[in-house]
Amino acid sequence: MVDNGAQNVVLTSRHPDVPVGVFELMSQNGAELRVIPVGVENKEGLRAADTEIKSSMPPIEGIINRAMVLRGRAFLDTS
């Protein structure tokens, strides 16, 4: 996304684990990465994240959802 012009990226996850190097790489490429710990099942948390993003960042221009549950199976064994 950053290679295509994104300058502000927000990552939400119930358990975010982002290596420090990712923040440095984003910064070196002219982008800000913000991590907000929240799960999609937490409506209050999502509202708070939305409020935080809208009050401190440019308007949202795109969303990518990569949520999945593997239920203890390897990715290659899923259908």
N, C-alpha and C. Protein backbone atom coordinates (compact mmCIF):
# COMPACT_ATOMS: atom_id res chain seq x y z
N MET A 1 0.83 -1.18 0.00
CA MET A 1 0.00 0.00 0.00
C MET A 1 0.87 1.25 0.00
N VAL A 2 1.92 1.22 0.80
CA VAL A 2 2.81 2.38 0.85
C VAL A 2 3.49 2.59 -0.49
N ASP A 3 3.85 1.49 -1.16
CA ASP A 3 4.45 1.61 -2.50
C ASP A 3 3.51 2.28 -3.49
N ASN A 4 2.22 2.25 -3.20
CA ASN A 4 1.22 2.85 -4.07
C ASN A 4 0.69 4.18 -3.54
N GLY A 5 1.38 4.77 -2.56
CA GLY A 5 1.05 6.11 -2.11
C GLY A 5 0.41 6.26 -0.75
N ALA A 6 0.09 5.16 -0.08
CA ALA A 6 -0.50 5.29 1.26
C ALA A 6 0.51 5.93 2.21
N GLN A 7 0.06 6.92 2.95
CA GLN A 7 0.94 7.61 3.90
C GLN A 7 0.55 7.37 5.34
N ASN A 8 -0.65 6.91 5.57
CA ASN A 8 -1.15 6.65 6.92
C ASN A 8 -1.82 5.28 6.92
N VAL A 9 -1.29 4.38 7.72
CA VAL A 9 -1.80 3.01 7.77
C VAL A 9 -2.12 2.68 9.22
N VAL A 10 -3.31 2.12 9.43
CA VAL A 10 -3.72 1.70 10.77
C VAL A 10 -3.89 0.19 10.74
N LEU A 11 -3.26 -0.48 11.68
CA LEU A 11 -3.40 -1.92 11.83
C LEU A 11 -4.18 -2.17 13.12
N THR A 12 -5.31 -2.87 13.00
CA THR A 12 -6.06 -3.26 14.19
C THR A 12 -5.99 -4.77 14.32
N SER A 13 -5.86 -5.22 15.56
CA SER A 13 -5.77 -6.65 15.84
C SER A 13 -6.06 -6.85 17.32
N ARG A 14 -6.67 -8.00 17.63
CA ARG A 14 -6.88 -8.30 19.05
C ARG A 14 -5.56 -8.42 19.78
N HIS A 15 -4.57 -8.98 19.12
CA HIS A 15 -3.26 -9.20 19.72
C HIS A 15 -2.17 -8.74 18.76
N PRO A 16 -2.00 -7.43 18.61
CA PRO A 16 -1.01 -6.95 17.65
C PRO A 16 0.41 -7.26 18.10
N ASP A 17 1.19 -7.78 17.19
CA ASP A 17 2.59 -8.09 17.44
C ASP A 17 3.38 -7.64 16.22
N VAL A 18 3.75 -6.38 16.22
CA VAL A 18 4.41 -5.79 15.05
C VAL A 18 5.87 -5.54 15.39
N PRO A 19 6.78 -6.17 14.67
CA PRO A 19 8.20 -5.93 14.93
C PRO A 19 8.56 -4.46 14.75
N VAL A 20 9.49 -3.98 15.56
CA VAL A 20 9.91 -2.57 15.52
C VAL A 20 10.39 -2.21 14.12
N GLY A 21 11.02 -3.12 13.43
CA GLY A 21 11.53 -2.86 12.09
C GLY A 21 10.46 -2.46 11.10
N VAL A 22 9.23 -2.92 11.32
CA VAL A 22 8.14 -2.56 10.42
C VAL A 22 7.83 -1.07 10.54
N PHE A 23 7.82 -0.55 11.77
CA PHE A 23 7.59 0.88 11.98
C PHE A 23 8.70 1.69 11.30
N GLU A 24 9.93 1.24 11.46
CA GLU A 24 11.07 1.95 10.86
C GLU A 24 10.98 1.93 9.33
N LEU A 25 10.63 0.78 8.77
CA LEU A 25 10.50 0.67 7.32
C LEU A 25 9.40 1.58 6.78
N MET A 26 8.27 1.61 7.46
CA MET A 26 7.17 2.49 7.05
C MET A 26 7.62 3.95 7.09
N SER A 27 8.29 4.32 8.17
CA SER A 27 8.75 5.69 8.33
C SER A 27 9.76 6.06 7.24
N GLN A 28 10.68 5.16 6.93
CA GLN A 28 11.67 5.41 5.88
C GLN A 28 11.01 5.60 4.52
N ASN A 29 9.83 5.02 4.35
CA ASN A 29 9.10 5.14 3.08
C ASN A 29 8.04 6.25 3.12
N GLY A 30 8.12 7.10 4.14
CA GLY A 30 7.25 8.27 4.21
C GLY A 30 5.86 8.00 4.73
N ALA A 31 5.67 6.90 5.45
CA ALA A 31 4.35 6.55 5.96
C ALA A 31 4.36 6.41 7.47
N GLU A 32 3.20 6.63 8.05
CA GLU A 32 3.02 6.42 9.49
C GLU A 32 2.20 5.16 9.70
N LEU A 33 2.68 4.28 10.57
CA LEU A 33 1.94 3.08 10.94
C LEU A 33 1.45 3.26 12.37
N ARG A 34 0.17 3.13 12.54
CA ARG A 34 -0.43 3.19 13.88
C ARG A 34 -1.09 1.85 14.16
N VAL A 35 -0.86 1.32 15.36
CA VAL A 35 -1.43 0.04 15.76
C VAL A 35 -2.45 0.27 16.86
N ILE A 36 -3.65 -0.25 16.67
CA ILE A 36 -4.72 -0.10 17.66
C ILE A 36 -5.18 -1.51 18.05
N PRO A 37 -4.97 -1.89 19.31
CA PRO A 37 -5.39 -3.23 19.74
C PRO A 37 -6.90 -3.29 19.97
N VAL A 38 -7.61 -3.93 19.04
CA VAL A 38 -9.07 -4.10 19.16
C VAL A 38 -9.49 -5.24 18.24
N GLY A 39 -10.46 -6.01 18.66
CA GLY A 39 -11.01 -7.07 17.84
C GLY A 39 -12.34 -6.66 17.24
N VAL A 40 -12.73 -7.27 16.15
CA VAL A 40 -13.97 -6.90 15.48
C VAL A 40 -15.21 -7.22 16.30
N GLU A 41 -15.08 -8.07 17.30
CA GLU A 41 -16.21 -8.41 18.15
C GLU A 41 -16.46 -7.35 19.23
N ASN A 42 -15.55 -6.41 19.38
CA ASN A 42 -15.62 -5.39 20.42
C ASN A 42 -16.17 -4.08 19.83
N LYS A 43 -17.50 -3.93 19.85
CA LYS A 43 -18.12 -2.75 19.23
C LYS A 43 -17.67 -1.45 19.87
N GLU A 44 -17.57 -1.42 21.20
CA GLU A 44 -17.11 -0.20 21.89
C GLU A 44 -15.68 0.15 21.46
N GLY A 45 -14.83 -0.88 21.41
CA GLY A 45 -13.45 -0.67 21.00
C GLY A 45 -13.34 -0.19 19.56
N LEU A 46 -14.19 -0.73 18.70
CA LEU A 46 -14.19 -0.28 17.30
C LEU A 46 -14.64 1.17 17.19
N ARG A 47 -15.64 1.53 17.97
CA ARG A 47 -16.10 2.94 17.95
C ARG A 47 -14.99 3.87 18.44
N ALA A 48 -14.28 3.45 19.49
CA ALA A 48 -13.18 4.26 20.02
C ALA A 48 -12.05 4.37 18.98
N ALA A 49 -11.75 3.25 18.31
CA ALA A 49 -10.71 3.28 17.27
C ALA A 49 -11.13 4.22 16.14
N ASP A 50 -12.38 4.14 15.72
CA ASP A 50 -12.90 5.01 14.67
C ASP A 50 -12.78 6.47 15.07
N THR A 51 -13.15 6.78 16.29
CA THR A 51 -13.06 8.16 16.79
C THR A 51 -11.61 8.63 16.81
N GLU A 52 -10.71 7.77 17.28
CA GLU A 52 -9.28 8.14 17.33
C GLU A 52 -8.74 8.41 15.92
N ILE A 53 -9.07 7.52 14.99
CA ILE A 53 -8.58 7.68 13.62
C ILE A 53 -9.13 8.96 13.00
N LYS A 54 -10.44 9.18 13.13
CA LYS A 54 -11.06 10.36 12.52
C LYS A 54 -10.57 11.66 13.13
N SER A 55 -10.21 11.65 14.41
CA SER A 55 -9.79 12.89 15.06
C SER A 55 -8.31 13.20 14.88
N SER A 56 -7.52 12.23 14.43
CA SER A 56 -6.08 12.48 14.38
C SER A 56 -5.41 12.12 13.06
N MET A 57 -6.20 11.65 12.09
CA MET A 57 -5.62 11.24 10.82
C MET A 57 -6.49 11.76 9.67
N PRO A 58 -5.94 11.72 8.45
CA PRO A 58 -6.76 12.11 7.29
C PRO A 58 -7.94 11.15 7.12
N PRO A 59 -8.91 11.51 6.27
CA PRO A 59 -10.07 10.63 6.05
C PRO A 59 -9.66 9.23 5.60
N ILE A 60 -10.43 8.25 6.00
CA ILE A 60 -10.19 6.86 5.61
C ILE A 60 -10.49 6.71 4.12
N GLU A 61 -9.54 6.17 3.38
CA GLU A 61 -9.72 6.01 1.94
C GLU A 61 -9.78 4.55 1.51
N GLY A 62 -9.52 3.64 2.42
CA GLY A 62 -9.57 2.23 2.06
C GLY A 62 -9.48 1.36 3.30
N ILE A 63 -10.04 0.16 3.18
CA ILE A 63 -10.02 -0.80 4.28
C ILE A 63 -9.70 -2.17 3.71
N ILE A 64 -8.81 -2.87 4.38
CA ILE A 64 -8.51 -4.26 4.03
C ILE A 64 -8.80 -5.09 5.27
N ASN A 65 -9.59 -6.14 5.11
CA ASN A 65 -9.92 -7.02 6.22
C ASN A 65 -9.25 -8.37 5.98
N ARG A 66 -8.40 -8.77 6.91
CA ARG A 66 -7.71 -10.05 6.78
C ARG A 66 -8.01 -10.96 7.96
N ALA A 67 -9.17 -10.84 8.53
CA ALA A 67 -9.52 -11.67 9.68
C ALA A 67 -9.80 -13.10 9.24
N MET A 68 -9.32 -14.04 10.03
CA MET A 68 -9.60 -15.44 9.75
C MET A 68 -9.35 -16.28 11.00
N VAL A 69 -10.01 -17.40 11.04
CA VAL A 69 -9.80 -18.38 12.10
C VAL A 69 -9.44 -19.69 11.43
N LEU A 70 -8.28 -20.24 11.77
CA LEU A 70 -7.83 -21.47 11.14
C LEU A 70 -8.29 -22.72 11.89
N ARG A 71 -8.80 -22.56 13.09
CA ARG A 71 -9.29 -23.67 13.90
C ARG A 71 -8.27 -24.80 14.01
N GLY A 72 -7.04 -24.41 14.29
CA GLY A 72 -6.01 -25.41 14.56
C GLY A 72 -5.49 -26.15 13.34
N ARG A 73 -5.82 -25.70 12.14
CA ARG A 73 -5.33 -26.36 10.92
C ARG A 73 -4.31 -25.47 10.23
N ALA A 74 -3.44 -26.09 9.50
CA ALA A 74 -2.49 -25.33 8.70
C ALA A 74 -3.23 -24.63 7.58
N PHE A 75 -2.76 -23.47 7.17
CA PHE A 75 -3.42 -22.70 6.12
C PHE A 75 -3.63 -23.54 4.85
N LEU A 76 -2.64 -24.32 4.49
CA LEU A 76 -2.74 -25.12 3.27
C LEU A 76 -3.82 -26.20 3.37
N ASP A 77 -4.24 -26.55 4.58
CA ASP A 77 -5.27 -27.58 4.77
C ASP A 77 -6.68 -27.00 4.82
N THR A 78 -6.82 -25.70 4.61
CA THR A 78 -8.15 -25.08 4.65
C THR A 78 -8.76 -25.09 3.26
N SER A 79 -10.06 -24.91 3.20
CA SER A 79 -10.72 -24.89 1.89
C SER A 79 -11.16 -23.49 1.53
